């Protein structure tokens, strides 16, 4: 439905790093939006109404003021960052941002985010210790990659803060909630500080409200 006020509507779960990405970007670009809390633990993404918006049954889902909808957190980041300083114009620099967005969804989020969910929300780590250990190993492998990159550069795509950093920050800054130890990663820890200190960056619970 078209919103004549020009407001966006973001359907998300406040505990989700993927939803945090979308909310944080809306704040950064100064878009007014309404937050629609969607409790994934209560299967709120499996209702007929939600599935009509996103048949994949996942948050976040962004409703644009003209009524169109967009899902997948990194697609939402790209859409909102278009024409801003958080997405480079240069083709190669832009491709580097894409590279890290793909890395986040393929090599980082499936491990760090999933372990966090199992440990802190599902509370089922004791029921699947081997799976948790395997996921943690792959999560640490992703942190190893980030550490090597950030030993050389202040931000993941280069010298400038971009949506690549927002995407990776979302679950890295709460990795301890899944039992990950960030202490052996000084470059990652320094990067977390730099990202968190960027103008307009908000804590997860404050952004998702």
C-alpha atoms as a PDB file:
ATOM      1  CA  UNK A   1       0.000   0.000   0.000  1.00  0.00           C
ATOM      2  CA  UNK A   2       1.286   3.437  -0.935  1.00  0.00           C
ATOM      3  CA  UNK A   3       2.228   5.655   2.020  1.00  0.00           C
ATOM      4  CA  UNK A   4       1.640   9.311   1.059  1.00  0.00           C
ATOM      5  CA  UNK A   5       3.703  10.438   4.068  1.00  0.00           C
ATOM      6  CA  UNK A   6       6.835   9.026   2.436  1.00  0.00           C
ATOM      7  CA  UNK A   7       7.609   6.744   5.375  1.00  0.00           C
ATOM      8  CA  UNK A   8       9.169   3.316   5.059  1.00  0.00           C
ATOM      9  CA  UNK A   9       8.124   0.300   7.096  1.00  0.00           C
ATOM     10  CA  UNK A  10      10.684  -2.234   8.257  1.00  0.00           C
ATOM     11  CA  UNK A  11       9.537  -5.654   9.413  1.00  0.00           C
ATOM     12  CA  UNK A  12      12.206  -7.177  11.635  1.00  0.00           C
ATOM     13  CA  UNK A  13      13.172  -8.935  14.827  1.00  0.00           C
ATOM     14  CA  UNK A  14      15.159  -6.639  17.138  1.00  0.00           C
ATOM     15  CA  UNK A  15      17.554  -9.488  17.996  1.00  0.00           C
ATOM     16  CA  UNK A  16      18.574 -10.034  14.372  1.00  0.00           C
ATOM     17  CA  UNK A  17      21.800  -8.644  12.979  1.00  0.00           C
ATOM     18  CA  UNK A  18      20.333  -8.791   9.486  1.00  0.00           C
ATOM     19  CA  UNK A  19      17.453  -6.575  10.598  1.00  0.00           C
ATOM     20  CA  UNK A  20      19.899  -4.290  12.383  1.00  0.00           C
ATOM     21  CA  UNK A  21      21.723  -3.686   9.092  1.00  0.00           C
ATOM     22  CA  UNK A  22      18.558  -2.449   7.418  1.00  0.00           C
ATOM     23  CA  UNK A  23      17.462  -0.308  10.364  1.00  0.00           C
ATOM     24  CA  UNK A  24      20.919   1.200  10.768  1.00  0.00           C
ATOM     25  CA  UNK A  25      21.065   2.133   7.096  1.00  0.00           C
ATOM     26  CA  UNK A  26      17.655   3.789   7.235  1.00  0.00           C
ATOM     27  CA  UNK A  27      18.925   5.911  10.111  1.00  0.00           C
ATOM     28  CA  UNK A  28      22.150   6.788   8.291  1.00  0.00           C
ATOM     29  CA  UNK A  29      20.395   7.972   5.135  1.00  0.00           C
ATOM     30  CA  UNK A  30      17.794   9.859   7.140  1.00  0.00           C
ATOM     31  CA  UNK A  31      14.729   7.912   6.014  1.00  0.00           C
ATOM     32  CA  UNK A  32      11.722   8.026   8.300  1.00  0.00           C
ATOM     33  CA  UNK A  33      10.394   4.561   9.005  1.00  0.00           C
ATOM     34  CA  UNK A  34       8.108   2.562  11.231  1.00  0.00           C
ATOM     35  CA  UNK A  35       9.459  -0.560  12.906  1.00  0.00           C
ATOM     36  CA  UNK A  36       7.172  -3.609  12.783  1.00  0.00           C
ATOM     37  CA  UNK A  37       8.450  -6.077  15.377  1.00  0.00           C
ATOM     38  CA  UNK A  38       8.258  -9.577  13.886  1.00  0.00           C
ATOM     39  CA  UNK A  39       9.112 -12.276  16.421  1.00  0.00           C
ATOM     40  CA  UNK A  40      10.797 -15.111  14.574  1.00  0.00           C
ATOM     41  CA  UNK A  41      10.685 -17.291  17.692  1.00  0.00           C
ATOM     42  CA  UNK A  42       6.882 -17.012  17.638  1.00  0.00           C
ATOM     43  CA  UNK A  43       6.834 -17.929  13.913  1.00  0.00           C
ATOM     44  CA  UNK A  44       5.577 -14.483  12.946  1.00  0.00           C
ATOM     45  CA  UNK A  45       7.310 -14.849   9.591  1.00  0.00           C
ATOM     46  CA  UNK A  46       5.187 -17.896   8.744  1.00  0.00           C
ATOM     47  CA  UNK A  47       1.802 -16.184   8.723  1.00  0.00           C
ATOM     48  CA  UNK A  48      -0.120 -15.825   5.474  1.00  0.00           C
ATOM     49  CA  UNK A  49       0.163 -12.045   5.719  1.00  0.00           C
ATOM     50  CA  UNK A  50       3.944 -12.106   6.081  1.00  0.00           C
ATOM     51  CA  UNK A  51       4.445 -14.764   3.397  1.00  0.00           C
ATOM     52  CA  UNK A  52       2.449 -12.606   0.989  1.00  0.00           C
ATOM     53  CA  UNK A  53       5.219 -10.001   1.371  1.00  0.00           C
ATOM     54  CA  UNK A  54       8.132 -12.433   1.407  1.00  0.00           C
ATOM     55  CA  UNK A  55       7.458 -16.038   0.384  1.00  0.00           C
ATOM     56  CA  UNK A  56      10.890 -16.914   1.775  1.00  0.00           C
ATOM     57  CA  UNK A  57       9.508 -16.282   5.250  1.00  0.00           C
ATOM     58  CA  UNK A  58      12.451 -14.307   6.585  1.00  0.00           C
ATOM     59  CA  UNK A  59      13.139 -10.868   8.003  1.00  0.00           C
ATOM     60  CA  UNK A  60      14.000  -8.159   7.276  1.00  0.00           C
ATOM     61  CA  UNK A  61      11.390  -6.986   4.814  1.00  0.00           C
ATOM     62  CA  UNK A  62      11.380  -3.332   3.813  1.00  0.00           C
ATOM     63  CA  UNK A  63       8.187  -1.744   2.533  1.00  0.00           C
ATOM     64  CA  UNK A  64       8.953   1.309   0.407  1.00  0.00           C
ATOM     65  CA  UNK A  65       6.683   4.370   0.523  1.00  0.00           C
ATOM     66  CA  UNK A  66       5.296   3.456  -2.920  1.00  0.00           C
ATOM     67  CA  UNK A  67       4.183   0.046  -1.641  1.00  0.00           C
ATOM     68  CA  UNK A  68       6.907  -2.088  -3.171  1.00  0.00           C
ATOM     69  CA  UNK A  69       8.746  -4.522  -0.900  1.00  0.00           C
ATOM     70  CA  UNK A  70      12.362  -5.612  -0.700  1.00  0.00           C
ATOM     71  CA  UNK A  71      13.877  -8.482   1.257  1.00  0.00           C
ATOM     72  CA  UNK A  72      17.418  -9.777   1.920  1.00  0.00           C
ATOM     73  CA  UNK A  73      19.405  -7.529   4.202  1.00  0.00           C
ATOM     74  CA  UNK A  74      22.300  -6.830   1.870  1.00  0.00           C
ATOM     75  CA  UNK A  75      19.962  -6.020  -1.024  1.00  0.00           C
ATOM     76  CA  UNK A  76      18.278  -3.508   1.292  1.00  0.00           C
ATOM     77  CA  UNK A  77      21.689  -2.036   2.164  1.00  0.00           C
ATOM     78  CA  UNK A  78      22.542  -1.652  -1.516  1.00  0.00           C
ATOM     79  CA  UNK A  79      19.208  -0.041  -2.330  1.00  0.00           C
ATOM     80  CA  UNK A  80      19.386   2.483   0.493  1.00  0.00           C
ATOM     81  CA  UNK A  81      23.063   3.286  -0.098  1.00  0.00           C
ATOM     82  CA  UNK A  82      22.604   4.057  -3.798  1.00  0.00           C
ATOM     83  CA  UNK A  83      23.989   7.530  -4.540  1.00  0.00           C
ATOM     84  CA  UNK A  84      25.546   7.930  -1.076  1.00  0.00           C
ATOM     85  CA  UNK A  85      29.111   7.935   0.217  1.00  0.00           C
ATOM     86  CA  UNK A  86      28.578   4.467   1.668  1.00  0.00           C
ATOM     87  CA  UNK A  87      28.587   2.871  -1.808  1.00  0.00           C
ATOM     88  CA  UNK A  88      31.463   3.920  -4.094  1.00  0.00           C
ATOM     89  CA  UNK A  89      30.903   5.139  -7.640  1.00  0.00           C
ATOM     90  CA  UNK A  90      34.154   3.629  -8.923  1.00  0.00           C
ATOM     91  CA  UNK A  91      33.443   0.226 -10.496  1.00  0.00           C
ATOM     92  CA  UNK A  92      36.312  -1.619  -8.822  1.00  0.00           C
ATOM     93  CA  UNK A  93      35.761  -0.063  -5.396  1.00  0.00           C
ATOM     94  CA  UNK A  94      32.069  -0.883  -5.720  1.00  0.00           C
ATOM     95  CA  UNK A  95      32.920  -4.479  -6.601  1.00  0.00           C
ATOM     96  CA  UNK A  96      35.043  -4.718  -3.442  1.00  0.00           C
ATOM     97  CA  UNK A  97      31.982  -3.748  -1.424  1.00  0.00           C
ATOM     98  CA  UNK A  98      30.015  -6.482  -3.201  1.00  0.00           C
ATOM     99  CA  UNK A  99      32.821  -8.941  -2.459  1.00  0.00           C
ATOM    100  CA  UNK A 100      32.509  -8.379   1.274  1.00  0.00           C
ATOM    101  CA  UNK A 101      28.715  -8.440   1.174  1.00  0.00           C
ATOM    102  CA  UNK A 102      28.890 -11.874  -0.464  1.00  0.00           C
ATOM    103  CA  UNK A 103      31.536 -12.985   2.025  1.00  0.00           C
ATOM    104  CA  UNK A 104      29.282 -11.923   4.889  1.00  0.00           C
ATOM    105  CA  UNK A 105      26.317 -13.940   3.679  1.00  0.00           C
ATOM    106  CA  UNK A 106      28.262 -17.026   2.586  1.00  0.00           C
ATOM    107  CA  UNK A 107      31.251 -17.314   4.938  1.00  0.00           C
ATOM    108  CA  UNK A 108      30.371 -15.303   8.048  1.00  0.00           C
ATOM    109  CA  UNK A 109      26.666 -14.999   8.879  1.00  0.00           C
ATOM    110  CA  UNK A 110      25.833 -18.716   8.460  1.00  0.00           C
ATOM    111  CA  UNK A 111      28.283 -19.527  11.255  1.00  0.00           C
ATOM    112  CA  UNK A 112      28.620 -16.603  13.656  1.00  0.00           C
ATOM    113  CA  UNK A 113      24.958 -15.636  13.528  1.00  0.00           C
ATOM    114  CA  UNK A 114      23.717 -19.213  13.755  1.00  0.00           C
ATOM    115  CA  UNK A 115      25.873 -20.045  16.782  1.00  0.00           C
ATOM    116  CA  UNK A 116      24.673 -16.860  18.476  1.00  0.00           C
ATOM    117  CA  UNK A 117      21.077 -17.900  17.861  1.00  0.00           C
ATOM    118  CA  UNK A 118      21.632 -21.432  19.165  1.00  0.00           C
ATOM    119  CA  UNK A 119      23.480 -20.267  22.285  1.00  0.00           C
ATOM    120  CA  UNK A 120      21.634 -17.105  23.260  1.00  0.00           C
ATOM    121  CA  UNK A 121      18.102 -17.546  21.936  1.00  0.00           C
ATOM    122  CA  UNK A 122      17.276 -21.177  21.189  1.00  0.00           C
ATOM    123  CA  UNK A 123      19.316 -22.166  24.270  1.00  0.00           C
ATOM    124  CA  UNK A 124      20.019 -25.500  22.635  1.00  0.00           C
ATOM    125  CA  UNK A 125      23.826 -25.578  22.449  1.00  0.00           C
ATOM    126  CA  UNK A 126      23.963 -28.491  24.886  1.00  0.00           C
ATOM    127  CA  UNK A 127      21.729 -30.543  22.626  1.00  0.00           C
ATOM    128  CA  UNK A 128      23.989 -30.205  19.567  1.00  0.00           C
ATOM    129  CA  UNK A 129      27.590 -29.710  20.766  1.00  0.00           C
ATOM    130  CA  UNK A 130      29.223 -31.163  17.652  1.00  0.00           C
ATOM    131  CA  UNK A 131      27.274 -28.875  15.351  1.00  0.00           C
ATOM    132  CA  UNK A 132      28.051 -25.839  17.483  1.00  0.00           C
ATOM    133  CA  UNK A 133      31.752 -26.706  17.493  1.00  0.00           C
ATOM    134  CA  UNK A 134      31.799 -27.119  13.708  1.00  0.00           C
ATOM    135  CA  UNK A 135      29.991 -23.821  13.192  1.00  0.00           C
ATOM    136  CA  UNK A 136      32.351 -22.065  15.607  1.00  0.00           C
ATOM    137  CA  UNK A 137      35.387 -23.332  13.687  1.00  0.00           C
ATOM    138  CA  UNK A 138      33.975 -21.891  10.462  1.00  0.00           C
ATOM    139  CA  UNK A 139      33.087 -18.657  12.248  1.00  0.00           C
ATOM    140  CA  UNK A 140      36.656 -18.315  13.472  1.00  0.00           C
ATOM    141  CA  UNK A 141      37.857 -18.962   9.922  1.00  0.00           C
ATOM    142  CA  UNK A 142      35.804 -15.951   8.796  1.00  0.00           C
ATOM    143  CA  UNK A 143      37.299 -13.837  11.580  1.00  0.00           C
ATOM    144  CA  UNK A 144      40.773 -14.947  10.445  1.00  0.00           C
ATOM    145  CA  UNK A 145      40.038 -13.611   6.958  1.00  0.00           C
ATOM    146  CA  UNK A 146      38.803 -10.320   8.356  1.00  0.00           C
ATOM    147  CA  UNK A 147      41.836 -10.000  10.644  1.00  0.00           C
ATOM    148  CA  UNK A 148      44.262 -10.338   7.736  1.00  0.00           C
ATOM    149  CA  UNK A 149      42.365  -7.743   5.732  1.00  0.00           C
ATOM    150  CA  UNK A 150      42.067  -5.274   8.588  1.00  0.00           C
ATOM    151  CA  UNK A 151      45.743  -5.550   9.480  1.00  0.00           C
ATOM    152  CA  UNK A 152      46.353  -3.622   6.238  1.00  0.00           C
ATOM    153  CA  UNK A 153      43.322  -1.375   5.879  1.00  0.00           C
ATOM    154  CA  UNK A 154      41.076   0.608   8.238  1.00  0.00           C
ATOM    155  CA  UNK A 155      37.889  -0.682   6.624  1.00  0.00           C
ATOM    156  CA  UNK A 156      36.989  -3.811   4.726  1.00  0.00           C
ATOM    157  CA  UNK A 157      36.629  -2.292   1.272  1.00  0.00           C
ATOM    158  CA  UNK A 158      39.541   0.122   1.682  1.00  0.00           C
ATOM    159  CA  UNK A 159      40.142   3.463   3.348  1.00  0.00           C
ATOM    160  CA  UNK A 160      36.489   4.487   3.554  1.00  0.00           C
ATOM    161  CA  UNK A 161      33.610   3.273   5.719  1.00  0.00           C
ATOM    162  CA  UNK A 162      31.018   1.556   3.502  1.00  0.00           C
ATOM    163  CA  UNK A 163      28.027  -0.742   3.710  1.00  0.00           C
ATOM    164  CA  UNK A 164      30.499  -3.629   3.643  1.00  0.00           C
ATOM    165  CA  UNK A 165      31.479  -2.598   7.166  1.00  0.00           C
ATOM    166  CA  UNK A 166      27.867  -2.248   8.275  1.00  0.00           C
ATOM    167  CA  UNK A 167      27.108  -5.743   6.974  1.00  0.00           C
ATOM    168  CA  UNK A 168      30.026  -7.389   8.783  1.00  0.00           C
ATOM    169  CA  UNK A 169      29.694  -5.290  11.919  1.00  0.00           C
ATOM    170  CA  UNK A 170      26.131  -6.474  12.510  1.00  0.00           C
ATOM    171  CA  UNK A 171      27.007  -9.957  13.735  1.00  0.00           C
ATOM    172  CA  UNK A 172      30.700  -9.470  14.545  1.00  0.00           C
ATOM    173  CA  UNK A 173      30.009  -6.952  17.300  1.00  0.00           C
ATOM    174  CA  UNK A 174      27.705  -9.448  19.033  1.00  0.00           C
ATOM    175  CA  UNK A 175      29.791 -12.548  18.282  1.00  0.00           C
ATOM    176  CA  UNK A 176      30.560 -12.916  21.999  1.00  0.00           C
ATOM    177  CA  UNK A 177      26.882 -13.793  22.498  1.00  0.00           C
ATOM    178  CA  UNK A 178      27.663 -16.992  20.621  1.00  0.00           C
ATOM    179  CA  UNK A 179      30.753 -17.708  22.686  1.00  0.00           C
ATOM    180  CA  UNK A 180      33.275 -16.326  20.185  1.00  0.00           C
ATOM    181  CA  UNK A 181      36.444 -14.857  21.703  1.00  0.00           C
ATOM    182  CA  UNK A 182      37.459 -11.696  19.828  1.00  0.00           C
ATOM    183  CA  UNK A 183      40.470 -11.009  22.055  1.00  0.00           C
ATOM    184  CA  UNK A 184      42.961 -12.772  19.707  1.00  0.00           C
ATOM    185  CA  UNK A 185      41.832 -10.464  16.849  1.00  0.00           C
ATOM    186  CA  UNK A 186      43.323  -7.006  17.529  1.00  0.00           C
ATOM    187  CA  UNK A 187      42.695  -5.714  13.997  1.00  0.00           C
ATOM    188  CA  UNK A 188      39.053  -6.812  14.146  1.00  0.00           C
ATOM    189  CA  UNK A 189      38.666  -5.227  17.587  1.00  0.00           C
ATOM    190  CA  UNK A 190      40.117  -1.951  16.336  1.00  0.00           C
ATOM    191  CA  UNK A 191      37.772  -2.039  13.355  1.00  0.00           C
ATOM    192  CA  UNK A 192      34.785  -2.680  15.622  1.00  0.00           C
ATOM    193  CA  UNK A 193      35.714   0.456  17.549  1.00  0.00           C
ATOM    194  CA  UNK A 194      36.093   2.513  14.358  1.00  0.00           C
ATOM    195  CA  UNK A 195      32.756   1.364  12.966  1.00  0.00           C
ATOM    196  CA  UNK A 196      30.938   1.882  16.241  1.00  0.00           C
ATOM    197  CA  UNK A 197      32.301   5.432  16.435  1.00  0.00           C
ATOM    198  CA  UNK A 198      31.106   6.423  12.963  1.00  0.00           C
ATOM    199  CA  UNK A 199      28.604   9.312  13.032  1.00  0.00           C
ATOM    200  CA  UNK A 200      25.076   7.986  13.081  1.00  0.00           C
ATOM    201  CA  UNK A 201      25.900   4.455  14.190  1.00  0.00           C
ATOM    202  CA  UNK A 202      23.463   3.213  16.827  1.00  0.00           C
ATOM    203  CA  UNK A 203      23.349   0.235  19.190  1.00  0.00           C
ATOM    204  CA  UNK A 204      21.269  -2.646  17.848  1.00  0.00           C
ATOM    205  CA  UNK A 205      18.360  -2.229  20.256  1.00  0.00           C
ATOM    206  CA  UNK A 206      18.199   1.519  19.652  1.00  0.00           C
ATOM    207  CA  UNK A 207      18.279   1.188  15.855  1.00  0.00           C
ATOM    208  CA  UNK A 208      15.618  -1.531  15.794  1.00  0.00           C
ATOM    209  CA  UNK A 209      12.769   0.363  17.423  1.00  0.00           C
END
